[in-house]
C-alpha atoms as a PDB file:
ATOM      1  CA  MET A   1     110.696  44.179  96.749  1.00  0.00           C
ATOM      2  CA  ALA A   2     106.973  44.686  95.854  1.00  0.00           C
ATOM      3  CA  ALA A   3     105.761  47.844  94.112  1.00  0.00           C
ATOM      4  CA  LEU A   4     103.914  50.396  96.191  1.00  0.00           C
ATOM      5  CA  ASN A   5     100.192  50.798  95.570  1.00  0.00           C
ATOM      6  CA  ILE A   6      99.962  54.628  95.552  1.00  0.00           C
ATOM      7  CA  LYS A   7      96.701  56.520  95.026  1.00  0.00           C
ATOM      8  CA  GLN A   8      96.538  58.989  92.163  1.00  0.00           C
ATOM      9  CA  GLY A   9      97.342  62.466  93.505  1.00  0.00           C
ATOM     10  CA  SER A  10      99.687  61.065  96.136  1.00  0.00           C
ATOM     11  CA  THR A  11     103.450  60.734  95.962  1.00  0.00           C
ATOM     12  CA  SER A  12     105.810  58.075  97.160  1.00  0.00           C
ATOM     13  CA  HIS A  13     106.902  60.544  99.858  1.00  0.00           C
ATOM     14  CA  SER A  14     103.476  60.835 101.488  1.00  0.00           C
ATOM     15  CA  ALA A  15     100.789  58.439 102.628  1.00  0.00           C
ATOM     16  CA  TYR A  16      98.163  61.187 102.350  1.00  0.00           C
ATOM     17  CA  ASP A  17      95.837  61.991  99.468  1.00  0.00           C
ATOM     18  CA  LEU A  18      97.131  65.357  98.214  1.00  0.00           C
ATOM     19  CA  ARG A  19      94.221  66.145  95.864  1.00  0.00           C
ATOM     20  CA  ASP A  20      92.269  69.322  96.608  1.00  0.00           C
ATOM     21  CA  SER A  21      89.116  68.205  98.430  1.00  0.00           C
ATOM     22  CA  HIS A  22      87.511  71.618  97.759  1.00  0.00           C
ATOM     23  CA  SER A  23      87.823  71.443  93.974  1.00  0.00           C
ATOM     24  CA  GLU A  24      84.539  71.680  92.119  1.00  0.00           C
ATOM     25  CA  VAL A  25      82.831  68.567  90.862  1.00  0.00           C
ATOM     26  CA  GLU A  26      81.636  68.213  87.285  1.00  0.00           C
ATOM     27  CA  SER A  27      77.891  67.867  86.846  1.00  0.00           C
ATOM     28  CA  SER A  28      75.461  67.613  83.968  1.00  0.00           C
ATOM     29  CA  HIS A  29      73.584  70.777  82.938  1.00  0.00           C
ATOM     30  CA  THR A  30      70.718  71.240  80.503  1.00  0.00           C
ATOM     31  CA  LEU A  31      70.867  74.567  78.658  1.00  0.00           C
ATOM     32  CA  ALA A  32      68.034  76.064  76.600  1.00  0.00           C
ATOM     33  CA  VAL A  33      69.264  78.566  74.013  1.00  0.00           C
ATOM     34  CA  VAL A  34      66.732  80.666  72.053  1.00  0.00           C
ATOM     35  CA  VAL A  35      68.204  81.829  68.728  1.00  0.00           C
ATOM     36  CA  ASP A  36      67.166  83.344  65.407  1.00  0.00           C
ATOM     37  CA  ASN A  37      66.203  80.594  62.967  1.00  0.00           C
ATOM     38  CA  GLU A  38      68.709  81.394  60.239  1.00  0.00           C
ATOM     39  CA  ALA A  39      71.468  79.602  58.372  1.00  0.00           C
ATOM     40  CA  GLY A  40      74.720  79.102  60.269  1.00  0.00           C
ATOM     41  CA  VAL A  41      73.464  79.764  63.810  1.00  0.00           C
ATOM     42  CA  LEU A  42      73.668  76.128  64.913  1.00  0.00           C
ATOM     43  CA  ALA A  43      77.174  75.850  63.443  1.00  0.00           C
ATOM     44  CA  ARG A  44      78.273  78.912  65.438  1.00  0.00           C
ATOM     45  CA  VAL A  45      76.841  77.540  68.681  1.00  0.00           C
ATOM     46  CA  ILE A  46      78.419  74.119  68.125  1.00  0.00           C
ATOM     47  CA  GLY A  47      81.675  75.789  67.077  1.00  0.00           C
ATOM     48  CA  LEU A  48      81.820  77.501  70.463  1.00  0.00           C
ATOM     49  CA  PHE A  49      81.787  74.086  72.163  1.00  0.00           C
ATOM     50  CA  SER A  50      84.247  72.341  69.858  1.00  0.00           C
ATOM     51  CA  GLY A  51      86.632  75.300  69.723  1.00  0.00           C
ATOM     52  CA  ARG A  52      87.021  75.288  73.500  1.00  0.00           C
ATOM     53  CA  GLY A  53      87.040  71.518  74.014  1.00  0.00           C
ATOM     54  CA  TYR A  54      83.629  71.258  75.678  1.00  0.00           C
ATOM     55  CA  ASN A  55      81.608  68.117  75.027  1.00  0.00           C
ATOM     56  CA  ILE A  56      77.918  67.972  74.129  1.00  0.00           C
ATOM     57  CA  ASP A  57      76.104  64.926  75.555  1.00  0.00           C
ATOM     58  CA  SER A  58      72.798  65.711  73.820  1.00  0.00           C
ATOM     59  CA  LEU A  59      71.608  68.275  71.278  1.00  0.00           C
ATOM     60  CA  THR A  60      68.124  69.010  69.943  1.00  0.00           C
ATOM     61  CA  VAL A  61      66.971  71.889  67.774  1.00  0.00           C
ATOM     62  CA  ALA A  62      63.517  72.926  66.562  1.00  0.00           C
ATOM     63  CA  GLU A  63      61.704  76.083  65.515  1.00  0.00           C
ATOM     64  CA  ILE A  64      59.452  77.302  68.336  1.00  0.00           C
ATOM     65  CA  ASP A  65      58.114  80.560  66.854  1.00  0.00           C
ATOM     66  CA  HIS A  66      57.241  80.489  63.140  1.00  0.00           C
ATOM     67  CA  LYS A  67      56.262  84.168  62.953  1.00  0.00           C
ATOM     68  CA  GLY A  68      59.284  85.411  64.901  1.00  0.00           C
ATOM     69  CA  HIS A  69      61.625  82.879  63.222  1.00  0.00           C
ATOM     70  CA  ARG A  70      63.061  81.672  66.529  1.00  0.00           C
ATOM     71  CA  SER A  71      64.448  78.235  67.364  1.00  0.00           C
ATOM     72  CA  ARG A  72      65.294  76.564  70.641  1.00  0.00           C
ATOM     73  CA  ILE A  73      68.521  74.618  71.009  1.00  0.00           C
ATOM     74  CA  THR A  74      68.572  72.255  73.996  1.00  0.00           C
ATOM     75  CA  ILE A  75      72.107  71.233  74.970  1.00  0.00           C
ATOM     76  CA  VAL A  76      73.115  68.777  77.684  1.00  0.00           C
ATOM     77  CA  THR A  77      76.762  69.230  78.687  1.00  0.00           C
ATOM     78  CA  ARG A  78      79.026  68.497  81.661  1.00  0.00           C
ATOM     79  CA  GLY A  79      81.409  70.707  83.589  1.00  0.00           C
ATOM     80  CA  THR A  80      82.189  72.493  86.810  1.00  0.00           C
ATOM     81  CA  MET A  81      80.047  75.514  87.700  1.00  0.00           C
ATOM     82  CA  ALA A  82      82.873  77.780  86.495  1.00  0.00           C
ATOM     83  CA  VAL A  83      82.920  76.041  83.102  1.00  0.00           C
ATOM     84  CA  ILE A  84      79.109  76.110  82.800  1.00  0.00           C
ATOM     85  CA  ASP A  85      79.066  79.841  83.670  1.00  0.00           C
ATOM     86  CA  GLN A  86      81.732  80.427  81.019  1.00  0.00           C
ATOM     87  CA  ILE A  87      79.717  78.484  78.419  1.00  0.00           C
ATOM     88  CA  LYS A  88      76.563  80.516  79.221  1.00  0.00           C
ATOM     89  CA  ALA A  89      78.449  83.814  79.004  1.00  0.00           C
ATOM     90  CA  GLN A  90      80.044  82.880  75.673  1.00  0.00           C
ATOM     91  CA  LEU A  91      76.715  81.694  74.248  1.00  0.00           C
ATOM     92  CA  GLY A  92      75.130  84.989  75.303  1.00  0.00           C
ATOM     93  CA  ARG A  93      77.713  86.933  73.276  1.00  0.00           C
ATOM     94  CA  ILE A  94      76.818  85.214  69.992  1.00  0.00           C
ATOM     95  CA  VAL A  95      74.738  87.769  68.047  1.00  0.00           C
ATOM     96  CA  PRO A  96      71.628  85.715  67.066  1.00  0.00           C
ATOM     97  CA  VAL A  97      71.273  84.298  70.616  1.00  0.00           C
ATOM     98  CA  HIS A  98      68.325  85.892  72.457  1.00  0.00           C
ATOM     99  CA  GLU A  99      68.296  83.916  75.704  1.00  0.00           C
ATOM    100  CA  VAL A 100      70.388  81.307  77.523  1.00  0.00           C
ATOM    101  CA  ILE A 101      68.679  79.428  80.363  1.00  0.00           C
ATOM    102  CA  ASP A 102      70.369  76.851  82.582  1.00  0.00           C
ATOM    103  CA  LEU A 103      67.362  74.626  83.289  1.00  0.00           C
ATOM    104  CA  THR A 104      69.357  72.653  85.855  1.00  0.00           C
ATOM    105  CA  ILE A 105      69.837  75.776  88.014  1.00  0.00           C
ATOM    106  CA  GLU A 106      66.198  76.926  87.702  1.00  0.00           C
ATOM    107  CA  SER A 107      64.888  73.620  89.092  1.00  0.00           C
ATOM    108  CA  THR A 108      64.963  69.973  88.149  1.00  0.00           C
ATOM    109  CA  PRO A 109      63.804  70.173  84.535  1.00  0.00           C
ATOM    110  CA  VAL A 110      61.290  67.859  82.903  1.00  0.00           C
ATOM    111  CA  GLU A 111      63.443  65.970  80.401  1.00  0.00           C
ATOM    112  CA  ARG A 112      62.290  63.439  77.819  1.00  0.00           C
ATOM    113  CA  GLU A 113      63.842  61.727  74.850  1.00  0.00           C
ATOM    114  CA  LEU A 114      62.301  59.768  71.978  1.00  0.00           C
ATOM    115  CA  ALA A 115      63.972  56.590  70.720  1.00  0.00           C
ATOM    116  CA  LEU A 116      63.289  53.981  68.063  1.00  0.00           C
ATOM    117  CA  PHE A 117      64.641  50.436  68.538  1.00  0.00           C
ATOM    118  CA  LYS A 118      64.810  47.748  65.864  1.00  0.00           C
ATOM    119  CA  VAL A 119      64.851  44.275  67.430  1.00  0.00           C
ATOM    120  CA  VAL A 120      65.397  41.247  65.186  1.00  0.00           C
ATOM    121  CA  GLY A 121      64.472  37.814  66.481  1.00  0.00           C
ATOM    122  CA  THR A 122      62.127  34.858  66.392  1.00  0.00           C
ATOM    123  CA  GLY A 123      60.572  32.448  68.879  1.00  0.00           C
ATOM    124  CA  GLU A 124      61.144  33.025  72.592  1.00  0.00           C
ATOM    125  CA  LYS A 125      63.338  36.092  72.022  1.00  0.00           C
ATOM    126  CA  ARG A 126      60.521  37.740  70.057  1.00  0.00           C
ATOM    127  CA  ILE A 127      58.011  37.019  72.835  1.00  0.00           C
ATOM    128  CA  GLU A 128      60.408  38.283  75.516  1.00  0.00           C
ATOM    129  CA  ALA A 129      61.045  41.504  73.522  1.00  0.00           C
ATOM    130  CA  LEU A 130      57.277  42.146  73.352  1.00  0.00           C
ATOM    131  CA  ARG A 131      56.888  41.450  77.081  1.00  0.00           C
ATOM    132  CA  LEU A 132      59.686  43.873  78.019  1.00  0.00           C
ATOM    133  CA  ALA A 133      58.306  46.501  75.629  1.00  0.00           C
ATOM    134  CA  GLU A 134      54.974  46.314  77.431  1.00  0.00           C
ATOM    135  CA  ILE A 135      56.658  46.758  80.827  1.00  0.00           C
ATOM    136  CA  PHE A 136      58.581  49.813  79.539  1.00  0.00           C
ATOM    137  CA  ARG A 137      55.465  51.162  77.779  1.00  0.00           C
ATOM    138  CA  ALA A 138      57.168  51.055  74.385  1.00  0.00           C
ATOM    139  CA  ASN A 139      54.865  51.065  71.361  1.00  0.00           C
ATOM    140  CA  VAL A 140      55.259  48.757  68.383  1.00  0.00           C
ATOM    141  CA  VAL A 141      55.348  51.061  65.342  1.00  0.00           C
ATOM    142  CA  ASP A 142      56.447  48.473  62.763  1.00  0.00           C
ATOM    143  CA  SER A 143      56.380  44.695  62.678  1.00  0.00           C
ATOM    144  CA  THR A 144      57.546  42.002  60.278  1.00  0.00           C
ATOM    145  CA  LEU A 145      57.864  38.239  60.769  1.00  0.00           C
ATOM    146  CA  GLU A 146      61.504  38.720  61.818  1.00  0.00           C
ATOM    147  CA  SER A 147      61.603  42.128  63.529  1.00  0.00           C
ATOM    148  CA  PHE A 148      59.900  44.866  65.508  1.00  0.00           C
ATOM    149  CA  VAL A 149      60.477  48.595  65.677  1.00  0.00           C
ATOM    150  CA  PHE A 150      59.623  49.949  69.115  1.00  0.00           C
ATOM    151  CA  GLU A 151      59.026  53.619  69.940  1.00  0.00           C
ATOM    152  CA  MET A 152      59.696  54.839  73.459  1.00  0.00           C
ATOM    153  CA  THR A 153      59.578  58.207  75.177  1.00  0.00           C
ATOM    154  CA  GLY A 154      61.195  58.704  78.558  1.00  0.00           C
ATOM    155  CA  THR A 155      64.248  59.795  80.451  1.00  0.00           C
ATOM    156  CA  SER A 156      67.659  59.003  79.007  1.00  0.00           C
ATOM    157  CA  GLU A 157      68.182  56.495  81.819  1.00  0.00           C
ATOM    158  CA  LYS A 158      64.968  54.639  80.926  1.00  0.00           C
ATOM    159  CA  ILE A 159      65.979  54.480  77.266  1.00  0.00           C
ATOM    160  CA  ASP A 160      69.466  53.233  78.194  1.00  0.00           C
ATOM    161  CA  ALA A 161      67.939  50.531  80.431  1.00  0.00           C
ATOM    162  CA  PHE A 162      65.574  49.357  77.672  1.00  0.00           C
ATOM    163  CA  ALA A 163      68.440  49.198  75.156  1.00  0.00           C
ATOM    164  CA  GLU A 164      70.540  47.082  77.535  1.00  0.00           C
ATOM    165  CA  LEU A 165      67.680  44.610  77.998  1.00  0.00           C
ATOM    166  CA  MET A 166      67.070  44.414  74.231  1.00  0.00           C
ATOM    167  CA  ARG A 167      70.736  43.718  73.316  1.00  0.00           C
ATOM    168  CA  PRO A 168      70.645  39.965  74.066  1.00  0.00           C
ATOM    169  CA  LEU A 169      67.222  39.722  72.385  1.00  0.00           C
ATOM    170  CA  GLY A 170      68.465  40.952  69.005  1.00  0.00           C
ATOM    171  CA  LEU A 171      68.783  44.750  69.178  1.00  0.00           C
ATOM    172  CA  ALA A 172      69.898  45.672  65.654  1.00  0.00           C
ATOM    173  CA  ASP A 173      69.599  49.469  65.527  1.00  0.00           C
ATOM    174  CA  VAL A 174      68.759  52.486  67.706  1.00  0.00           C
ATOM    175  CA  ALA A 175      67.836  56.064  66.767  1.00  0.00           C
ATOM    176  CA  ARG A 176      67.535  58.715  69.509  1.00  0.00           C
ATOM    177  CA  THR A 177      66.322  62.298  69.316  1.00  0.00           C
ATOM    178  CA  GLY A 178      68.321  63.784  72.170  1.00  0.00           C
ATOM    179  CA  VAL A 179      66.867  65.454  75.257  1.00  0.00           C
ATOM    180  CA  ALA A 180      63.966  67.900  75.071  1.00  0.00           C
ATOM    181  CA  ALA A 181      63.526  69.788  78.343  1.00  0.00           C
ATOM    182  CA  LEU A 182      61.403  72.437  80.062  1.00  0.00           C
ATOM    183  CA  ALA A 183      61.613  74.014  83.508  1.00  0.00           C
ATOM    184  CA  ARG A 184      59.057  72.812  86.041  1.00  0.00           C
ATOM    185  CA  GLY A 185      56.328  75.039  87.447  1.00  0.00           C
ATOM    186  CA  VAL A 186      55.272  78.517  86.421  1.00  0.00           C
END
């Protein structure tokens, strides 16, 4: 007798999908967190995520106000709306946090990432790497007889696509900054 091919969430007693069709779907959210620029703040924010089992897809941090000693942490994470609301509430309770903004809720944010790619190759592969770099508007920032270092700014998807095309051409190393984001409009 052949084994039954049963969908996940179903049982052998039912031919119907028993999963809750109204359950919330996970989505990606970009959070901007304005904090005091002092020792240990980043560790506390990251500790909140790791302590509760939340994943961080991207993280960038930089000082935005030298006089006021404030930094902006941009975090890209995934979760249901309930999880994202919980993350925002918990971030807001950390003492040096001044503001938590969910840029994904405000509007579609302007998001960019910087990446450096080292591509090693000669002959036709070298020419093809230069041609693709031109199409993707990547700049050559270093060149030797055997390699190039390309610099590219764009969406994470654009950077992923460029990396995939460079792999067969000799992609040797990649460094990425993580997402920097701002809300659109006024």
